[in-house]
Amino acid sequence: MKKLLILIFLFFSLIMIAQEDFLQSIKKLQPVYDKLNFSSVKISILDAVKKSEAKEVIACYLNFSSDKLIWIVLTPTEKFEISSSDAKILKRSPVKISNHVTYPLSLQNAVSLAILSIGKDILFSYPTDEGWIVGSKSHVAAVSMKTAVVIWVKPRSDYFESLEAKGVSK
């Protein structure tokens, strides 16, 4: 009986997250990113991913929660909330990412490559059909998921305006 209750609890505790959900979150954070003083962020996106010790990260972004900046690191099965000031894991919860695909070029490699094109203060990275989208305070880069190449670089505001024009993430 206890095992059944535990299984039921675990079943209901799984959170369904689709790609559009974290894209919505990142889109809503654009005004925060515009005003962000990056000196208040003590660890980078790559440090946050490393701290999670996750093998397959599919999205990572800087979020504002409870008056503090935190990194959200998503894997196909877990969501990590990591303090941007001291790199502590604040919360670890199970998730289920639908329609997840493994890519030859990892998010970490895409971010490392994008840093050369758009600078080191990376705020978010997530997968799309165009490639890994990696964004800083001023620019967004698309990085191929198959080979180590930056496909394009755009101003961040233009990129999110083009998403709205396409009807994505409204």
Protein backbone atom coordinates (compact mmCIF):
# COMPACT_ATOMS: atom_id res chain seq x y z
CA MET A 1 0.00 0.00 0.00
CA LYS A 2 2.83 2.40 0.86
CA LYS A 3 4.53 1.63 -2.44
CA LEU A 4 1.33 2.40 -4.30
CA LEU A 5 0.94 5.73 -2.50
CA ILE A 6 4.55 6.60 -3.25
CA LEU A 7 4.07 5.76 -6.93
CA ILE A 8 0.92 7.86 -7.08
CA PHE A 9 2.73 10.75 -5.39
CA LEU A 10 5.64 10.51 -7.83
CA PHE A 11 3.28 10.34 -10.77
CA PHE A 12 1.47 13.53 -9.73
CA SER A 13 4.70 15.29 -8.81
CA LEU A 14 6.05 15.04 -12.36
CA ILE A 15 5.73 18.36 -14.11
CA MET A 16 4.98 18.46 -17.81
CA ILE A 17 7.10 21.05 -19.56
CA ALA A 18 7.18 21.56 -23.30
CA GLN A 19 9.62 23.68 -25.28
CA GLU A 20 7.07 26.45 -25.53
CA ASP A 21 6.93 26.69 -21.74
CA PHE A 22 10.55 27.70 -21.29
CA LEU A 23 10.39 29.87 -24.40
CA GLN A 24 7.43 31.65 -22.78
CA SER A 25 9.43 32.10 -19.58
CA ILE A 26 12.42 33.51 -21.45
CA LYS A 27 10.17 35.81 -23.48
CA LYS A 28 8.54 37.17 -20.32
CA LEU A 29 11.99 37.83 -18.84
CA GLN A 30 13.07 40.18 -21.64
CA PRO A 31 12.24 43.37 -19.66
CA VAL A 32 14.25 41.99 -16.72
CA TYR A 33 17.17 41.20 -19.03
CA ASP A 34 17.02 44.76 -20.46
CA LYS A 35 17.50 46.27 -16.98
CA LEU A 36 19.87 43.62 -15.64
CA ASN A 37 23.21 44.69 -14.20
CA PHE A 38 25.25 41.58 -15.01
CA SER A 39 27.72 42.31 -12.21
CA SER A 40 25.07 40.96 -9.81
CA VAL A 41 25.37 37.56 -11.51
CA LYS A 42 28.39 35.84 -9.96
CA ILE A 43 28.30 32.54 -11.87
CA SER A 44 27.94 32.04 -15.61
CA ILE A 45 25.50 29.86 -17.49
CA LEU A 46 28.28 27.29 -17.99
CA ASP A 47 29.04 27.30 -14.25
CA ALA A 48 25.36 26.67 -13.51
CA VAL A 49 25.23 23.75 -15.93
CA LYS A 50 28.43 22.33 -14.43
CA LYS A 51 27.04 22.71 -10.89
CA SER A 52 23.93 20.72 -11.84
CA GLU A 53 26.19 17.83 -12.91
CA ALA A 54 23.57 17.03 -15.55
CA LYS A 55 24.75 15.05 -18.54
CA GLU A 56 22.13 16.23 -21.02
CA VAL A 57 21.01 19.82 -20.55
CA ILE A 58 18.31 20.95 -22.95
CA ALA A 59 17.73 24.52 -21.75
CA CYS A 60 19.22 26.98 -19.30
CA TYR A 61 18.18 30.53 -18.51
CA LEU A 62 18.55 33.23 -15.91
CA ASN A 63 15.31 33.75 -14.00
CA PHE A 64 14.11 36.20 -11.35
CA SER A 65 12.44 34.47 -8.43
CA SER A 66 11.68 35.67 -4.90
CA ASP A 67 13.74 38.84 -5.37
CA LYS A 68 16.85 36.95 -6.47
CA LEU A 69 18.41 35.86 -9.72
CA ILE A 70 18.60 32.12 -10.25
CA TRP A 71 19.67 29.86 -13.08
CA ILE A 72 17.10 27.36 -14.32
CA VAL A 73 18.79 24.26 -15.75
CA LEU A 74 16.47 21.81 -17.53
CA THR A 75 17.23 18.23 -18.46
CA PRO A 76 14.76 15.72 -19.91
CA THR A 77 13.98 14.51 -16.38
CA GLU A 78 14.96 17.24 -13.90
CA LYS A 79 14.75 20.96 -13.26
CA PHE A 80 17.48 22.62 -11.19
CA GLU A 81 17.26 26.07 -9.61
CA ILE A 82 20.77 27.34 -8.91
CA SER A 83 21.68 30.54 -7.10
CA SER A 84 23.42 33.01 -9.42
CA SER A 85 25.35 34.50 -6.51
CA ASP A 86 26.87 31.47 -4.73
CA ALA A 87 26.21 28.49 -7.06
CA LYS A 88 24.13 26.57 -4.52
CA ILE A 89 21.45 24.23 -5.81
CA LEU A 90 18.31 25.74 -4.31
CA LYS A 91 15.83 23.24 -5.68
CA ARG A 92 15.84 20.06 -7.71
CA SER A 93 12.55 18.73 -9.02
CA PRO A 94 11.43 16.05 -11.48
CA VAL A 95 10.07 17.10 -14.86
CA LYS A 96 9.11 15.44 -18.10
CA ILE A 97 10.14 17.21 -21.27
CA SER A 98 8.03 16.10 -24.21
CA ASN A 99 9.46 15.65 -27.70
CA HIS A 100 13.07 15.72 -26.51
CA VAL A 101 15.79 14.79 -29.00
CA THR A 102 19.51 14.30 -28.31
CA TYR A 103 21.77 16.52 -30.44
CA PRO A 104 25.39 15.91 -31.50
CA LEU A 105 26.45 19.39 -30.30
CA SER A 106 25.60 19.93 -26.62
CA LEU A 107 24.15 23.09 -25.10
CA GLN A 108 27.46 23.66 -23.29
CA ASN A 109 29.42 23.53 -26.56
CA ALA A 110 26.89 25.80 -28.27
CA VAL A 111 27.20 28.37 -25.48
CA SER A 112 31.00 28.20 -25.60
CA LEU A 113 30.92 28.79 -29.35
CA ALA A 114 28.36 31.61 -29.13
CA ILE A 115 30.48 33.45 -26.55
CA LEU A 116 32.98 34.14 -29.36
CA SER A 117 30.26 35.89 -31.38
CA ILE A 118 28.04 37.62 -28.82
CA GLY A 119 30.13 37.98 -25.67
CA LYS A 120 30.40 36.20 -22.34
CA ASP A 121 27.34 37.47 -20.47
CA ILE A 122 24.97 34.74 -21.68
CA LEU A 123 21.42 34.86 -20.28
CA PHE A 124 19.73 31.86 -21.92
CA SER A 125 20.07 28.94 -24.29
CA TYR A 126 17.43 26.58 -25.65
CA PRO A 127 16.83 24.37 -28.71
CA THR A 128 14.73 25.29 -31.75
CA ASP A 129 14.40 24.01 -35.28
CA GLU A 130 16.99 26.67 -36.26
CA GLY A 131 19.58 25.33 -33.82
CA TRP A 132 20.60 26.22 -30.27
CA ILE A 133 19.46 29.75 -29.51
CA VAL A 134 21.96 31.48 -27.22
CA GLY A 135 21.23 34.99 -25.96
CA SER A 136 23.14 37.73 -24.20
CA LYS A 137 21.91 41.12 -23.03
CA SER A 138 22.29 42.58 -26.50
CA HIS A 139 22.43 39.73 -29.05
CA VAL A 140 21.10 36.28 -29.90
CA ALA A 141 23.03 33.66 -31.85
CA ALA A 142 21.81 30.48 -33.49
CA VAL A 143 24.34 27.65 -33.27
CA SER A 144 24.06 24.49 -35.33
CA MET A 145 23.13 21.38 -33.36
CA LYS A 146 25.13 19.17 -35.71
CA THR A 147 28.43 21.00 -36.22
CA ALA A 148 30.36 23.70 -34.39
CA VAL A 149 29.20 26.72 -36.39
CA VAL A 150 27.30 29.91 -35.59
CA ILE A 151 24.47 30.17 -38.13
CA TRP A 152 23.47 33.78 -37.48
CA VAL A 153 23.66 36.63 -34.96
CA LYS A 154 20.85 39.15 -34.40
CA PRO A 155 20.05 41.89 -31.89
CA ARG A 156 18.04 40.29 -29.06
CA SER A 157 15.11 42.67 -29.44
CA ASP A 158 14.85 41.94 -33.19
CA TYR A 159 14.86 38.19 -32.55
CA PHE A 160 11.95 38.28 -30.09
CA GLU A 161 10.01 40.71 -32.29
CA SER A 162 10.41 38.26 -35.19
CA LEU A 163 9.03 35.46 -32.98
CA GLU A 164 5.94 37.54 -32.23
CA ALA A 165 5.52 38.31 -35.92
CA LYS A 166 5.60 34.57 -36.64
CA GLY A 167 3.02 33.97 -33.89
CA VAL A 168 5.46 32.05 -31.69
CA SER A 169 5.26 32.41 -27.89
CA LYS A 170 2.40 34.85 -27.66
